Protein backbone atom coordinates (compact mmCIF):
# COMPACT_ATOMS: atom_id res chain seq x y z
CA MET A 1 -19.82 -10.94 11.21
CA ASP A 2 -20.36 -7.27 12.14
CA ARG A 3 -19.50 -4.37 9.88
CA ASN A 4 -16.07 -3.62 11.31
CA SER A 5 -15.06 -7.29 11.35
CA LYS A 6 -16.03 -7.62 7.69
CA ASN A 7 -14.14 -4.44 6.83
CA LEU A 8 -11.07 -5.71 8.65
CA PHE A 9 -11.27 -9.10 6.92
CA LEU A 10 -11.53 -7.52 3.45
CA PHE A 11 -8.80 -4.97 4.11
CA THR A 12 -6.51 -7.71 5.43
CA ALA A 13 -7.20 -9.80 2.32
CA LEU A 14 -6.47 -6.81 0.07
CA SER A 15 -3.29 -5.91 1.94
CA THR A 16 -2.16 -9.55 1.81
CA ILE A 17 -2.50 -9.58 -1.98
CA TRP A 18 -0.56 -6.32 -2.22
CA ALA A 19 2.14 -7.67 0.12
CA ILE A 20 2.65 -10.79 -2.00
CA ILE A 21 2.83 -8.73 -5.19
CA PHE A 22 5.37 -6.26 -3.85
CA GLY A 23 7.29 -9.13 -2.30
CA LEU A 24 7.55 -10.73 -5.73
CA ILE A 25 8.99 -7.64 -7.38
CA GLY A 26 10.78 -6.19 -4.34
CA PRO A 27 14.38 -7.40 -4.82
CA PHE A 28 14.26 -6.96 -8.57
CA TYR A 29 12.70 -3.51 -8.33
CA VAL A 30 15.86 -2.32 -6.56
CA ILE A 31 18.08 -4.00 -9.17
CA HIS A 32 15.96 -2.51 -11.96
CA VAL A 33 16.16 0.99 -10.49
CA LYS A 34 19.92 0.64 -10.05
CA ARG A 35 20.27 -0.36 -13.69
CA LEU A 36 18.13 2.54 -14.90
CA SER A 37 19.77 5.15 -12.68
CA GLY A 38 23.14 4.74 -14.38
CA GLY A 39 25.32 5.08 -11.28
CA MET A 40 25.44 4.69 -7.52
CA GLU A 41 25.16 8.44 -6.90
CA LYS A 42 22.10 8.61 -9.14
CA LEU A 43 20.61 5.61 -7.38
CA GLY A 44 20.74 7.59 -4.13
CA ILE A 45 19.01 10.52 -5.82
CA ALA A 46 16.28 8.22 -7.17
CA PHE A 47 15.44 6.86 -3.72
CA GLY A 48 15.84 10.30 -2.13
CA ILE A 49 13.19 11.65 -4.50
CA MET A 50 10.88 8.79 -3.56
CA ILE A 51 11.24 9.37 0.20
CA PHE A 52 10.83 13.14 -0.18
CA PHE A 53 7.51 12.85 -2.01
CA GLN A 54 6.44 10.05 0.29
CA SER A 55 6.85 12.37 3.27
CA LEU A 56 4.89 15.19 1.65
CA ALA A 57 2.06 12.90 0.56
CA SER A 58 1.58 11.41 4.01
CA TYR A 59 0.27 14.63 5.55
CA VAL A 60 -1.89 15.61 2.60
CA ALA A 61 -3.43 12.13 2.33
CA GLY A 62 -4.15 11.90 6.05
CA LYS A 63 -5.82 15.30 6.24
CA SER A 64 -7.81 14.80 3.04
CA SER A 65 -8.99 11.31 3.96
CA ASP A 66 -10.54 12.64 7.17
CA LYS A 67 -12.97 14.53 4.94
CA LEU A 68 -13.25 12.31 1.87
CA GLY A 69 -12.95 8.86 3.43
CA ARG A 70 -10.25 6.22 3.08
CA LYS A 71 -11.66 4.16 0.18
CA PRO A 72 -11.06 6.73 -2.58
CA PHE A 73 -7.39 6.79 -1.64
CA LEU A 74 -7.16 3.00 -1.63
CA PHE A 75 -8.53 2.93 -5.18
CA LEU A 76 -6.03 5.64 -6.12
CA ILE A 77 -3.12 3.70 -4.59
CA ALA A 78 -3.98 0.55 -6.53
CA TYR A 79 -4.43 2.29 -9.87
CA VAL A 80 -1.34 4.49 -9.55
CA ASN A 81 0.85 1.56 -8.47
CA SER A 82 -0.53 -0.54 -11.30
CA ALA A 83 0.46 2.14 -13.81
CA ILE A 84 3.85 2.67 -12.16
CA LEU A 85 4.77 -1.03 -12.28
CA PHE A 86 3.85 -1.17 -15.95
CA LEU A 87 5.85 1.97 -16.74
CA TYR A 88 8.94 0.61 -15.00
CA THR A 89 9.18 -1.95 -17.80
CA ILE A 90 9.26 0.63 -20.61
CA ILE A 91 11.17 3.65 -19.31
CA LYS A 92 14.75 4.09 -20.46
CA GLY A 93 16.26 7.31 -19.12
CA THR A 94 17.29 8.56 -15.70
CA HIS A 95 14.91 11.53 -15.80
CA GLN A 96 11.98 9.24 -16.51
CA LEU A 97 13.06 7.15 -13.54
CA TYR A 98 13.13 10.23 -11.30
CA ILE A 99 9.59 11.16 -12.29
CA LEU A 100 8.36 7.63 -11.68
CA GLN A 101 10.12 7.51 -8.32
CA GLY A 102 8.31 10.70 -7.36
CA PHE A 103 4.94 9.15 -8.14
CA PHE A 104 5.91 5.95 -6.35
CA GLY A 105 6.85 8.01 -3.31
CA ILE A 106 3.46 9.72 -3.33
CA SER A 107 1.74 6.37 -3.58
CA ASN A 108 3.78 4.94 -0.70
CA GLY A 109 3.04 7.93 1.49
CA VAL A 110 -0.68 7.67 0.82
CA SER A 111 -0.64 3.90 1.37
CA GLN A 112 1.09 4.05 4.75
CA THR A 113 -1.10 6.84 6.09
CA ILE A 114 -4.39 5.46 4.83
CA SER A 115 -3.63 1.94 6.05
CA THR A 116 -2.92 3.20 9.56
CA SER A 117 -5.98 5.45 9.56
CA LEU A 118 -8.31 2.77 8.22
CA LEU A 119 -7.12 0.24 10.78
CA GLY A 120 -8.03 2.75 13.46
CA ASP A 121 -11.47 3.27 11.89
CA ILE A 122 -12.43 -0.38 11.65
CA THR A 123 -11.10 -1.71 14.94
CA THR A 124 -12.61 -1.20 18.38
CA ARG A 125 -10.49 0.53 20.96
CA GLU A 126 -10.58 -2.38 23.41
CA LYS A 127 -9.20 -4.87 20.86
CA ARG A 128 -7.31 -2.53 18.54
CA GLY A 129 -3.81 -3.65 19.50
CA LYS A 130 -4.65 -7.31 18.98
CA ALA A 131 -6.38 -6.65 15.64
CA VAL A 132 -3.53 -4.50 14.32
CA GLY A 133 -1.01 -7.10 15.50
CA ILE A 134 -2.82 -9.88 13.65
CA PHE A 135 -3.12 -7.68 10.55
CA HIS A 136 0.60 -6.94 10.42
CA ALA A 137 1.51 -10.56 11.15
CA ILE A 138 -0.58 -11.83 8.23
CA VAL A 139 0.62 -9.13 5.84
CA GLY A 140 4.24 -9.65 6.93
CA ILE A 141 4.08 -13.39 6.31
CA ALA A 142 2.51 -12.74 2.90
CA SER A 143 5.32 -10.34 2.04
CA SER A 144 7.97 -12.88 3.06
CA LEU A 145 6.23 -15.51 0.91
CA GLY A 146 6.37 -13.17 -2.07
CA LEU A 147 10.07 -12.54 -1.47
CA VAL A 148 10.80 -16.29 -1.28
CA LEU A 149 8.94 -16.94 -4.53
CA SER A 150 10.36 -13.90 -6.36
CA GLY A 151 13.58 -15.49 -7.56
CA TYR A 152 11.84 -18.60 -8.87
CA ALA A 153 9.15 -16.52 -10.58
CA VAL A 154 11.63 -14.23 -12.34
CA LYS A 155 13.82 -17.16 -13.39
CA LYS A 156 10.86 -19.00 -14.91
CA TYR A 157 8.81 -16.15 -16.39
CA GLY A 158 11.20 -13.22 -16.73
CA LEU A 159 11.36 -9.84 -14.97
CA LYS A 160 8.96 -7.97 -17.25
CA THR A 161 6.32 -10.68 -16.98
CA ILE A 162 6.38 -10.38 -13.18
CA PHE A 163 5.94 -6.61 -13.42
CA TYR A 164 3.04 -7.07 -15.85
CA LEU A 165 1.41 -9.63 -13.57
CA ALA A 166 1.81 -7.36 -10.54
CA SER A 167 0.27 -4.46 -12.44
CA PHE A 168 -2.71 -6.59 -13.52
CA VAL A 169 -3.35 -8.01 -10.04
CA LEU A 170 -3.13 -4.61 -8.35
CA PHE A 171 -5.64 -3.15 -10.77
CA PHE A 172 -8.24 -5.85 -10.24
CA SER A 173 -7.64 -6.28 -6.51
CA THR A 174 -9.72 -3.14 -6.01
CA LEU A 175 -12.82 -5.32 -6.44
CA LEU A 176 -12.40 -6.16 -2.75
CA LEU A 177 -12.82 -2.49 -1.87
CA PHE A 178 -16.45 -2.55 -2.95
CA GLY A 179 -17.18 -4.76 0.04
CA ILE A 180 -15.70 -2.30 2.53
CA ARG A 181 -18.28 0.06 4.00
CA GLU A 182 -17.10 3.32 5.45
CA ASP A 183 -19.17 4.82 8.23
CA MET A 184 -16.71 6.88 10.17
CA VAL A 185 -19.41 8.84 11.99
CA LEU A 186 -20.58 5.71 13.80
CA ASP A 187 -17.00 4.72 14.52
CA HIS A 188 -16.29 8.09 16.09
CA LYS A 189 -19.53 7.96 18.07
CA GLU A 190 -18.42 4.64 19.56
CA ASP A 191 -15.17 6.24 20.69
CA TYR A 192 -16.98 9.24 22.13
CA GLN A 193 -19.35 6.99 24.03
CA HIS A 194 -16.35 5.07 25.39
CA ASP A 195 -14.75 8.35 26.51
CA ASP A 196 -17.96 9.47 28.23
CA CYS A 197 -18.26 6.17 30.09
CA THR A 198 -14.63 6.42 31.19
CA LYS A 199 -15.10 9.94 32.49
CA ASN A 200 -18.30 8.99 34.37
């Protein structure tokens, strides 16, 4: 297995774990936020805050990761989301919810941008569409599995337990990141060489 194939395998495995976890808490996260917000109009504000910060974070994360690499941001995503999921179980007020939604939005923005960028880094141009398609298919199926299991899990173990479990798994899932090797210079050189051959 070459370097990029190994990177893609590990990133797919990591993303699959994250998809199952967020699938498990997904429906109940919305219910939980609705309960904490204290009203339908405040629920809209809570999600508006999340999307606003998500949009801002996307640009900053993309630009910064070009210089710093993608892995530091993947570690950051996991640790921030782990803390956020834990804090969702202990916050009480609407203002606390707004703050947490802001951080969750930042995390989502970073996650989306870095995932797209990393997939571009670790896939070859000739087979990129196929690789990205397989990646999203696997992650999508994992997410649907988490959603299917979510109701049973919450009924058996309780909502807070599921949030605690998700927080724990996200934190330790970063062990997979140590196997991903970033060498973006080589990746870019491969693209440049492809462009030169095309032009010639």
